[in-house]
Amino acid sequence: MPRVNFVSAGGDVSSVDSADGVSLMRAAVTNGVRGIVGECGGNMMCATCHVYVEPEFAAVAGLASEDEAEMLEDAVCPPDERSRLSCQIMLGPEHEGLTVVLPEAQV
C-alpha cells in the first residue's frame, strides 16, 4: 500500500495511501485531492489528470506512451518532460513516496 504525495501549484501537500493496482488518478479522486479532475474516469481521453512527476521519481513512474503523450498535448497547462496522465500510472509498492506536482488548472 504505497503512500503518494500530491503537491498543489500553491505548494500544499496532500499525502494519500492507496491499494496496489489502483491508478494514481483514482487514488487522488477517491481521497478528495483537489486538482485532479479525471473527467473521463481514467480512459486516457481528457487530460484532466495531468501531473508533473518529480525528477527523482521519473524512473519509477515510467515514460508516457505515444498515445498518452498525444493526449498530454491537449492539457490545459503545457506539458513538459515530467508530464504524465495520472490515470496511466498504476500504483504498487515501488511507488512508495511518489511525489507529483499538480498543474495550476486542469479544465
N, C-alpha and C. Protein backbone atom coordinates (compact mmCIF):
# COMPACT_ATOMS: atom_id res chain seq x y z
N MET A 1 0.85 -1.18 0.00
CA MET A 1 0.00 0.00 0.00
C MET A 1 0.90 1.24 0.00
N PRO A 2 1.15 1.79 -1.18
CA PRO A 2 2.04 2.96 -1.24
C PRO A 2 1.36 4.24 -0.74
N ARG A 3 2.18 5.08 -0.15
CA ARG A 3 1.76 6.43 0.23
C ARG A 3 2.34 7.35 -0.83
N VAL A 4 1.46 8.15 -1.47
CA VAL A 4 1.89 9.06 -2.54
C VAL A 4 1.54 10.49 -2.15
N ASN A 5 2.28 11.43 -2.73
CA ASN A 5 2.15 12.84 -2.37
C ASN A 5 1.78 13.68 -3.59
N PHE A 6 0.79 14.52 -3.42
CA PHE A 6 0.34 15.45 -4.45
C PHE A 6 0.64 16.86 -3.95
N VAL A 7 1.41 17.60 -4.71
CA VAL A 7 1.78 18.97 -4.34
C VAL A 7 0.98 19.92 -5.22
N SER A 8 0.16 20.76 -4.61
CA SER A 8 -0.64 21.71 -5.38
C SER A 8 0.27 22.75 -6.01
N ALA A 9 -0.25 23.48 -6.98
CA ALA A 9 0.51 24.56 -7.62
C ALA A 9 0.93 25.60 -6.59
N GLY A 10 0.18 25.71 -5.50
CA GLY A 10 0.50 26.65 -4.43
C GLY A 10 1.45 26.10 -3.38
N GLY A 11 1.81 24.81 -3.49
CA GLY A 11 2.77 24.21 -2.58
C GLY A 11 2.19 23.37 -1.45
N ASP A 12 0.86 23.29 -1.36
CA ASP A 12 0.25 22.45 -0.32
C ASP A 12 0.40 20.98 -0.70
N VAL A 13 0.68 20.13 0.29
CA VAL A 13 0.90 18.71 0.04
C VAL A 13 -0.26 17.89 0.60
N SER A 14 -0.79 17.01 -0.23
CA SER A 14 -1.79 16.03 0.20
C SER A 14 -1.15 14.66 0.04
N SER A 15 -1.05 13.92 1.13
CA SER A 15 -0.49 12.57 1.09
C SER A 15 -1.62 11.58 1.27
N VAL A 16 -1.65 10.55 0.42
CA VAL A 16 -2.71 9.55 0.50
C VAL A 16 -2.11 8.15 0.41
N ASP A 17 -2.77 7.22 1.06
CA ASP A 17 -2.41 5.80 0.96
C ASP A 17 -3.33 5.19 -0.07
N SER A 18 -2.78 4.27 -0.87
CA SER A 18 -3.58 3.64 -1.90
C SER A 18 -3.26 2.16 -1.99
N ALA A 19 -4.25 1.38 -2.35
CA ALA A 19 -4.03 -0.04 -2.57
C ALA A 19 -3.20 -0.24 -3.84
N ASP A 20 -2.46 -1.32 -3.88
CA ASP A 20 -1.72 -1.67 -5.10
C ASP A 20 -2.71 -1.91 -6.24
N GLY A 21 -2.30 -1.57 -7.46
CA GLY A 21 -3.12 -1.80 -8.64
C GLY A 21 -4.11 -0.70 -8.94
N VAL A 22 -4.15 0.33 -8.13
CA VAL A 22 -5.05 1.47 -8.34
C VAL A 22 -4.27 2.55 -9.07
N SER A 23 -4.92 3.25 -9.99
CA SER A 23 -4.23 4.32 -10.69
C SER A 23 -4.00 5.51 -9.76
N LEU A 24 -2.97 6.27 -10.05
CA LEU A 24 -2.68 7.48 -9.29
C LEU A 24 -3.87 8.43 -9.34
N MET A 25 -4.53 8.52 -10.48
CA MET A 25 -5.71 9.37 -10.62
C MET A 25 -6.83 8.90 -9.69
N ARG A 26 -7.10 7.60 -9.66
CA ARG A 26 -8.17 7.06 -8.82
C ARG A 26 -7.84 7.29 -7.34
N ALA A 27 -6.57 7.13 -6.96
CA ALA A 27 -6.16 7.38 -5.58
C ALA A 27 -6.44 8.83 -5.20
N ALA A 28 -6.17 9.75 -6.12
CA ALA A 28 -6.41 11.17 -5.85
C ALA A 28 -7.90 11.46 -5.73
N VAL A 29 -8.68 11.01 -6.68
CA VAL A 29 -10.12 11.29 -6.69
C VAL A 29 -10.80 10.66 -5.48
N THR A 30 -10.46 9.42 -5.17
CA THR A 30 -11.06 8.72 -4.03
C THR A 30 -10.77 9.44 -2.72
N ASN A 31 -9.61 10.05 -2.64
CA ASN A 31 -9.20 10.72 -1.40
C ASN A 31 -9.44 12.23 -1.41
N GLY A 32 -10.17 12.72 -2.41
CA GLY A 32 -10.56 14.13 -2.44
C GLY A 32 -9.43 15.11 -2.69
N VAL A 33 -8.39 14.67 -3.40
CA VAL A 33 -7.29 15.58 -3.72
C VAL A 33 -7.77 16.61 -4.73
N ARG A 34 -7.69 17.87 -4.36
CA ARG A 34 -8.08 18.94 -5.27
C ARG A 34 -7.02 19.09 -6.35
N GLY A 35 -7.48 19.27 -7.59
CA GLY A 35 -6.55 19.49 -8.68
C GLY A 35 -6.45 18.32 -9.64
N ILE A 36 -7.07 17.20 -9.30
CA ILE A 36 -7.17 16.06 -10.21
C ILE A 36 -8.65 15.91 -10.52
N VAL A 37 -9.01 16.09 -11.79
CA VAL A 37 -10.42 16.04 -12.18
C VAL A 37 -10.80 14.64 -12.65
N GLY A 38 -10.09 14.12 -13.62
CA GLY A 38 -10.37 12.78 -14.14
C GLY A 38 -11.73 12.67 -14.80
N GLU A 39 -12.07 13.64 -15.64
CA GLU A 39 -13.39 13.67 -16.29
C GLU A 39 -13.75 12.38 -17.02
N CYS A 40 -12.77 11.73 -17.65
CA CYS A 40 -13.08 10.54 -18.45
C CYS A 40 -13.04 9.26 -17.63
N GLY A 41 -12.78 9.37 -16.34
CA GLY A 41 -12.78 8.20 -15.47
C GLY A 41 -11.55 7.32 -15.61
N GLY A 42 -10.51 7.83 -16.23
CA GLY A 42 -9.29 7.07 -16.36
C GLY A 42 -9.12 6.35 -17.68
N ASN A 43 -9.82 6.80 -18.70
CA ASN A 43 -9.76 6.16 -20.01
C ASN A 43 -8.82 6.84 -20.99
N MET A 44 -7.96 7.73 -20.50
CA MET A 44 -6.98 8.45 -21.31
C MET A 44 -7.66 9.19 -22.48
N MET A 45 -8.73 9.92 -22.15
CA MET A 45 -9.47 10.63 -23.17
C MET A 45 -9.68 12.11 -22.87
N CYS A 46 -9.07 12.64 -21.77
CA CYS A 46 -9.39 14.02 -21.44
C CYS A 46 -8.22 14.88 -20.95
N ALA A 47 -7.17 14.31 -20.44
CA ALA A 47 -6.00 15.05 -19.92
C ALA A 47 -6.32 15.91 -18.70
N THR A 48 -7.40 15.59 -17.97
CA THR A 48 -7.72 16.36 -16.77
C THR A 48 -7.14 15.73 -15.50
N CYS A 49 -6.19 14.83 -15.69
CA CYS A 49 -5.48 14.24 -14.55
C CYS A 49 -3.98 14.41 -14.74
N HIS A 50 -3.62 15.43 -15.49
CA HIS A 50 -2.22 15.76 -15.79
C HIS A 50 -1.46 16.04 -14.50
N VAL A 51 -0.27 15.46 -14.38
CA VAL A 51 0.62 15.73 -13.25
C VAL A 51 2.05 15.88 -13.76
N TYR A 52 2.87 16.53 -12.95
CA TYR A 52 4.30 16.64 -13.22
C TYR A 52 5.00 15.76 -12.18
N VAL A 53 5.65 14.69 -12.65
CA VAL A 53 6.35 13.78 -11.76
C VAL A 53 7.66 14.42 -11.33
N GLU A 54 7.91 14.44 -10.02
CA GLU A 54 9.17 14.98 -9.52
C GLU A 54 10.32 14.15 -10.10
N PRO A 55 11.42 14.80 -10.50
CA PRO A 55 12.51 14.12 -11.20
C PRO A 55 13.04 12.86 -10.52
N GLU A 56 13.11 12.84 -9.20
CA GLU A 56 13.65 11.67 -8.51
C GLU A 56 12.75 10.45 -8.61
N PHE A 57 11.51 10.64 -9.10
CA PHE A 57 10.58 9.53 -9.26
C PHE A 57 10.31 9.19 -10.72
N ALA A 58 11.04 9.81 -11.64
CA ALA A 58 10.82 9.60 -13.08
C ALA A 58 10.95 8.13 -13.46
N ALA A 59 11.96 7.45 -12.97
CA ALA A 59 12.19 6.06 -13.34
C ALA A 59 11.05 5.16 -12.88
N VAL A 60 10.57 5.36 -11.66
CA VAL A 60 9.50 4.52 -11.13
C VAL A 60 8.16 4.83 -11.80
N ALA A 61 7.94 6.07 -12.20
CA ALA A 61 6.69 6.45 -12.87
C ALA A 61 6.69 5.99 -14.33
N GLY A 62 7.87 5.89 -14.91
CA GLY A 62 7.97 5.44 -16.30
C GLY A 62 7.69 6.55 -17.29
N LEU A 63 7.84 6.20 -18.55
CA LEU A 63 7.63 7.15 -19.63
C LEU A 63 6.19 7.09 -20.14
N ALA A 64 5.72 8.19 -20.66
CA ALA A 64 4.40 8.23 -21.28
C ALA A 64 4.43 7.45 -22.59
N SER A 65 3.37 6.72 -22.87
CA SER A 65 3.23 6.04 -24.16
C SER A 65 3.00 7.09 -25.24
N GLU A 66 3.05 6.69 -26.49
CA GLU A 66 2.78 7.63 -27.59
C GLU A 66 1.38 8.21 -27.48
N ASP A 67 0.41 7.36 -27.18
CA ASP A 67 -0.98 7.83 -27.05
C ASP A 67 -1.13 8.80 -25.89
N GLU A 68 -0.45 8.51 -24.79
CA GLU A 68 -0.50 9.40 -23.63
C GLU A 68 0.14 10.74 -23.96
N ALA A 69 1.30 10.71 -24.61
CA ALA A 69 1.99 11.95 -24.99
C ALA A 69 1.11 12.79 -25.91
N GLU A 70 0.40 12.13 -26.81
CA GLU A 70 -0.51 12.84 -27.71
C GLU A 70 -1.65 13.49 -26.92
N MET A 71 -2.20 12.78 -25.96
CA MET A 71 -3.29 13.33 -25.14
C MET A 71 -2.78 14.50 -24.30
N LEU A 72 -1.56 14.40 -23.80
CA LEU A 72 -0.99 15.48 -22.99
C LEU A 72 -0.87 16.79 -23.77
N GLU A 73 -0.79 16.70 -25.08
CA GLU A 73 -0.73 17.91 -25.90
C GLU A 73 -2.01 18.74 -25.76
N ASP A 74 -3.10 18.11 -25.32
CA ASP A 74 -4.38 18.80 -25.13
C ASP A 74 -4.59 19.29 -23.69
N ALA A 75 -3.60 19.08 -22.84
CA ALA A 75 -3.71 19.52 -21.45
C ALA A 75 -3.80 21.04 -21.38
N VAL A 76 -4.54 21.55 -20.41
CA VAL A 76 -4.71 22.99 -20.24
C VAL A 76 -3.37 23.67 -19.96
N CYS A 77 -2.60 23.12 -19.03
CA CYS A 77 -1.27 23.64 -18.72
C CYS A 77 -0.25 22.89 -19.57
N PRO A 78 0.73 23.58 -20.09
CA PRO A 78 1.66 22.95 -21.01
C PRO A 78 2.40 21.76 -20.40
N PRO A 79 2.46 20.66 -21.15
CA PRO A 79 3.23 19.52 -20.67
C PRO A 79 4.73 19.77 -20.84
N ASP A 80 5.51 19.04 -20.04
CA ASP A 80 6.96 19.07 -20.22
C ASP A 80 7.48 17.64 -20.04
N GLU A 81 8.78 17.48 -19.92
CA GLU A 81 9.36 16.13 -19.85
C GLU A 81 8.94 15.38 -18.58
N ARG A 82 8.38 16.07 -17.60
CA ARG A 82 7.92 15.43 -16.36
C ARG A 82 6.45 15.04 -16.42
N SER A 83 5.75 15.41 -17.47
CA SER A 83 4.30 15.24 -17.54
C SER A 83 3.88 13.78 -17.74
N ARG A 84 2.85 13.43 -17.01
CA ARG A 84 2.18 12.14 -17.17
C ARG A 84 0.70 12.35 -16.91
N LEU A 85 -0.11 11.45 -17.44
CA LEU A 85 -1.53 11.38 -17.06
C LEU A 85 -1.58 10.45 -15.86
N SER A 86 -2.10 10.92 -14.76
CA SER A 86 -2.08 10.11 -13.54
C SER A 86 -2.94 8.84 -13.67
N CYS A 87 -3.86 8.82 -14.62
CA CYS A 87 -4.66 7.62 -14.85
C CYS A 87 -3.83 6.49 -15.45
N GLN A 88 -2.65 6.80 -15.95
CA GLN A 88 -1.81 5.80 -16.60
C GLN A 88 -0.69 5.29 -15.70
N ILE A 89 -0.65 5.74 -14.47
CA ILE A 89 0.35 5.26 -13.51
C ILE A 89 -0.37 4.35 -12.52
N MET A 90 -0.13 3.04 -12.65
CA MET A 90 -0.73 2.07 -11.75
C MET A 90 0.19 1.87 -10.55
N LEU A 91 -0.35 2.10 -9.37
CA LEU A 91 0.46 2.11 -8.16
C LEU A 91 0.78 0.71 -7.65
N GLY A 92 1.98 0.61 -7.12
CA GLY A 92 2.46 -0.63 -6.50
C GLY A 92 3.46 -0.26 -5.43
N PRO A 93 4.04 -1.25 -4.76
CA PRO A 93 4.99 -0.99 -3.68
C PRO A 93 6.15 -0.09 -4.10
N GLU A 94 6.55 -0.20 -5.36
CA GLU A 94 7.67 0.61 -5.85
C GLU A 94 7.37 2.10 -5.92
N HIS A 95 6.10 2.47 -5.76
CA HIS A 95 5.70 3.88 -5.82
C HIS A 95 5.64 4.55 -4.45
N GLU A 96 6.08 3.86 -3.42
CA GLU A 96 6.10 4.45 -2.08
C GLU A 96 6.84 5.78 -2.11
N GLY A 97 6.16 6.84 -1.64
CA GLY A 97 6.76 8.17 -1.60
C GLY A 97 6.68 8.95 -2.89
N LEU A 98 6.10 8.36 -3.94
CA LEU A 98 5.97 9.06 -5.22
C LEU A 98 5.39 10.46 -4.98
N THR A 99 6.02 11.45 -5.59
CA THR A 99 5.57 12.83 -5.43
C THR A 99 5.34 13.45 -6.80
N VAL A 100 4.16 14.01 -6.96
CA VAL A 100 3.80 14.68 -8.21
C VAL A 100 3.31 16.10 -7.89
N VAL A 101 3.56 17.01 -8.83
CA VAL A 101 3.10 18.38 -8.71
C VAL A 101 1.91 18.56 -9.64
N LEU A 102 0.87 19.20 -9.14
CA LEU A 102 -0.34 19.43 -9.93
C LEU A 102 -0.22 20.72 -10.71
N PRO A 103 -0.72 20.74 -11.93
CA PRO A 103 -0.71 21.99 -12.69
C PRO A 103 -1.66 23.01 -12.06
N GLU A 104 -1.53 24.25 -12.50
CA GLU A 104 -2.39 25.32 -11.96
C GLU A 104 -3.85 25.08 -12.29
N ALA A 105 -4.13 24.45 -13.42
CA ALA A 105 -5.52 24.18 -13.82
C ALA A 105 -5.56 22.91 -14.65
N GLN A 106 -6.73 22.26 -14.65
CA GLN A 106 -6.95 21.06 -15.46
C GLN A 106 -8.01 21.31 -16.53
N VAL A 107 -8.94 22.19 -16.24
CA VAL A 107 -10.02 22.48 -17.20
C VAL A 107 -10.17 23.98 -17.39
